Amino acid sequence: MSLVQLLLPQFIHEFGLTRKTLVRVPFDKIAFQPHPKSMTMLALAGHIAHVPSWANFALRTPSLD
């Protein structure tokens, strides 16, 4: 079994959770900050949307420190 075949079910599961989270972001409150030192809701949503792309980077990089 290849690495892709092993990781694909996990990626699909995580993508579903990511989508579920992003759908719940209230667009009328994108400037909301959960904490004064926190990013805005829009920045947090962007961060969550970007996380799945890390898998590509991690799999293509020979070593990570």
N, C-alpha and C. Protein backbone atom coordinates (compact mmCIF):
# COMPACT_ATOMS: atom_id res chain seq x y z
N MET A 1 0.85 -1.18 0.00
CA MET A 1 0.00 0.00 0.00
C MET A 1 0.90 1.24 0.00
N SER A 2 0.59 2.19 -0.88
CA SER A 2 1.41 3.40 -0.99
C SER A 2 1.08 4.38 0.13
N LEU A 3 1.98 5.33 0.29
CA LEU A 3 1.79 6.37 1.31
C LEU A 3 0.52 7.17 1.03
N VAL A 4 0.25 7.44 -0.23
CA VAL A 4 -0.95 8.20 -0.60
C VAL A 4 -2.20 7.42 -0.18
N GLN A 5 -2.21 6.12 -0.44
CA GLN A 5 -3.37 5.31 -0.07
C GLN A 5 -3.57 5.27 1.45
N LEU A 6 -2.48 5.33 2.18
CA LEU A 6 -2.58 5.32 3.64
C LEU A 6 -3.09 6.66 4.18
N LEU A 7 -2.64 7.75 3.58
CA LEU A 7 -2.98 9.07 4.11
C LEU A 7 -4.27 9.67 3.56
N LEU A 8 -4.72 9.21 2.41
CA LEU A 8 -5.90 9.81 1.78
C LEU A 8 -7.15 9.76 2.66
N PRO A 9 -7.48 8.65 3.30
CA PRO A 9 -8.68 8.66 4.16
C PRO A 9 -8.58 9.69 5.30
N GLN A 10 -7.41 9.82 5.88
CA GLN A 10 -7.23 10.81 6.95
C GLN A 10 -7.39 12.23 6.41
N PHE A 11 -6.83 12.48 5.23
CA PHE A 11 -6.93 13.81 4.61
C PHE A 11 -8.39 14.13 4.31
N ILE A 12 -9.12 13.18 3.78
CA ILE A 12 -10.54 13.39 3.46
C ILE A 12 -11.32 13.70 4.74
N HIS A 13 -11.04 12.98 5.80
CA HIS A 13 -11.70 13.22 7.08
C HIS A 13 -11.39 14.63 7.59
N GLU A 14 -10.12 15.00 7.58
CA GLU A 14 -9.71 16.32 8.07
C GLU A 14 -10.28 17.43 7.19
N PHE A 15 -10.34 17.21 5.88
CA PHE A 15 -10.90 18.22 4.99
C PHE A 15 -12.37 18.44 5.30
N GLY A 16 -13.09 17.38 5.63
CA GLY A 16 -14.50 17.51 6.01
C GLY A 16 -14.66 18.34 7.27
N LEU A 17 -13.79 18.11 8.24
CA LEU A 17 -13.85 18.90 9.49
C LEU A 17 -13.48 20.36 9.23
N THR A 18 -12.51 20.58 8.36
CA THR A 18 -12.12 21.95 8.01
C THR A 18 -13.27 22.68 7.36
N ARG A 19 -13.92 22.02 6.42
CA ARG A 19 -15.07 22.62 5.73
C ARG A 19 -16.18 22.93 6.72
N LYS A 20 -16.46 22.01 7.63
CA LYS A 20 -17.50 22.20 8.63
C LYS A 20 -17.20 23.41 9.51
N THR A 21 -15.94 23.59 9.85
CA THR A 21 -15.52 24.73 10.68
C THR A 21 -15.68 26.04 9.91
N LEU A 22 -15.23 26.06 8.67
CA LEU A 22 -15.27 27.30 7.88
C LEU A 22 -16.69 27.73 7.56
N VAL A 23 -17.59 26.78 7.38
CA VAL A 23 -18.99 27.12 7.09
C VAL A 23 -19.62 27.86 8.26
N ARG A 24 -19.13 27.62 9.46
CA ARG A 24 -19.70 28.23 10.66
C ARG A 24 -19.16 29.63 10.96
N VAL A 25 -18.21 30.10 10.19
CA VAL A 25 -17.66 31.44 10.43
C VAL A 25 -18.71 32.47 10.04
N PRO A 26 -19.14 33.30 10.99
CA PRO A 26 -20.15 34.32 10.67
C PRO A 26 -19.53 35.49 9.90
N PHE A 27 -19.94 35.65 8.66
CA PHE A 27 -19.33 36.67 7.81
C PHE A 27 -19.66 38.09 8.26
N ASP A 28 -20.67 38.26 9.08
CA ASP A 28 -20.97 39.60 9.59
C ASP A 28 -20.11 39.95 10.80
N LYS A 29 -19.28 39.00 11.25
CA LYS A 29 -18.42 39.24 12.42
C LYS A 29 -16.97 38.86 12.13
N ILE A 30 -16.51 39.10 10.91
CA ILE A 30 -15.15 38.69 10.55
C ILE A 30 -14.08 39.52 11.25
N ALA A 31 -14.46 40.67 11.81
CA ALA A 31 -13.49 41.50 12.53
C ALA A 31 -13.40 41.11 14.01
N PHE A 32 -14.24 40.18 14.45
CA PHE A 32 -14.25 39.74 15.84
C PHE A 32 -12.92 39.08 16.21
N GLN A 33 -12.42 39.39 17.41
CA GLN A 33 -11.21 38.77 17.95
C GLN A 33 -11.61 38.04 19.23
N PRO A 34 -11.40 36.72 19.31
CA PRO A 34 -11.76 35.98 20.52
C PRO A 34 -11.02 36.47 21.76
N HIS A 35 -9.85 37.05 21.55
CA HIS A 35 -9.02 37.56 22.64
C HIS A 35 -8.29 38.77 22.10
N PRO A 36 -8.01 39.78 22.91
CA PRO A 36 -7.32 40.98 22.39
C PRO A 36 -5.99 40.69 21.68
N LYS A 37 -5.30 39.63 22.08
CA LYS A 37 -4.03 39.29 21.43
C LYS A 37 -4.22 38.31 20.27
N SER A 38 -5.45 37.94 20.00
CA SER A 38 -5.75 36.96 18.96
C SER A 38 -5.91 37.62 17.59
N MET A 39 -5.82 36.79 16.56
CA MET A 39 -6.10 37.27 15.20
C MET A 39 -7.61 37.48 15.07
N THR A 40 -8.00 38.19 14.01
CA THR A 40 -9.43 38.37 13.75
C THR A 40 -10.02 37.04 13.27
N MET A 41 -11.34 36.97 13.27
CA MET A 41 -12.02 35.76 12.81
C MET A 41 -11.67 35.47 11.36
N LEU A 42 -11.52 36.51 10.55
CA LEU A 42 -11.15 36.32 9.14
C LEU A 42 -9.76 35.72 9.02
N ALA A 43 -8.81 36.21 9.80
CA ALA A 43 -7.45 35.68 9.76
C ALA A 43 -7.41 34.25 10.28
N LEU A 44 -8.18 33.95 11.32
CA LEU A 44 -8.23 32.59 11.86
C LEU A 44 -8.83 31.63 10.83
N ALA A 45 -9.88 32.06 10.14
CA ALA A 45 -10.50 31.22 9.11
C ALA A 45 -9.51 30.97 7.96
N GLY A 46 -8.77 32.00 7.59
CA GLY A 46 -7.76 31.84 6.55
C GLY A 46 -6.68 30.86 6.97
N HIS A 47 -6.30 30.92 8.22
CA HIS A 47 -5.30 30.00 8.76
C HIS A 47 -5.81 28.56 8.68
N ILE A 48 -7.04 28.35 9.10
CA ILE A 48 -7.62 27.01 9.06
C ILE A 48 -7.73 26.50 7.63
N ALA A 49 -8.09 27.39 6.70
CA ALA A 49 -8.21 26.99 5.30
C ALA A 49 -6.86 26.63 4.70
N HIS A 50 -5.80 27.21 5.21
CA HIS A 50 -4.46 26.99 4.66
C HIS A 50 -3.79 25.72 5.21
N VAL A 51 -4.22 25.25 6.35
CA VAL A 51 -3.58 24.10 7.01
C VAL A 51 -3.49 22.86 6.12
N PRO A 52 -4.52 22.47 5.36
CA PRO A 52 -4.39 21.27 4.53
C PRO A 52 -3.24 21.32 3.52
N SER A 53 -2.85 22.50 3.10
CA SER A 53 -1.76 22.59 2.13
C SER A 53 -0.42 22.22 2.76
N TRP A 54 -0.36 22.19 4.07
CA TRP A 54 0.89 21.81 4.75
C TRP A 54 1.25 20.35 4.48
N ALA A 55 0.24 19.52 4.24
CA ALA A 55 0.51 18.11 3.97
C ALA A 55 1.39 17.97 2.73
N ASN A 56 1.09 18.71 1.70
CA ASN A 56 1.90 18.68 0.48
C ASN A 56 3.34 19.07 0.78
N PHE A 57 3.51 20.13 1.53
CA PHE A 57 4.86 20.59 1.90
C PHE A 57 5.58 19.52 2.71
N ALA A 58 4.90 18.97 3.70
CA ALA A 58 5.53 17.98 4.59
C ALA A 58 5.94 16.72 3.83
N LEU A 59 5.10 16.29 2.88
CA LEU A 59 5.41 15.07 2.14
C LEU A 59 6.51 15.27 1.09
N ARG A 60 6.67 16.47 0.61
CA ARG A 60 7.67 16.73 -0.43
C ARG A 60 9.02 17.21 0.12
N THR A 61 9.07 17.52 1.40
CA THR A 61 10.30 17.99 2.01
C THR A 61 11.06 16.81 2.60
N PRO A 62 12.33 16.64 2.23
CA PRO A 62 13.07 15.47 2.70
C PRO A 62 13.21 15.39 4.23
N SER A 63 13.37 16.54 4.88
CA SER A 63 13.45 16.52 6.34
C SER A 63 12.92 17.83 6.89
N LEU A 64 12.31 17.74 8.04
CA LEU A 64 11.77 18.93 8.71
C LEU A 64 12.39 19.02 10.09
N ASP A 65 12.71 20.22 10.49
CA ASP A 65 13.31 20.42 11.81
C ASP A 65 12.30 21.03 12.75
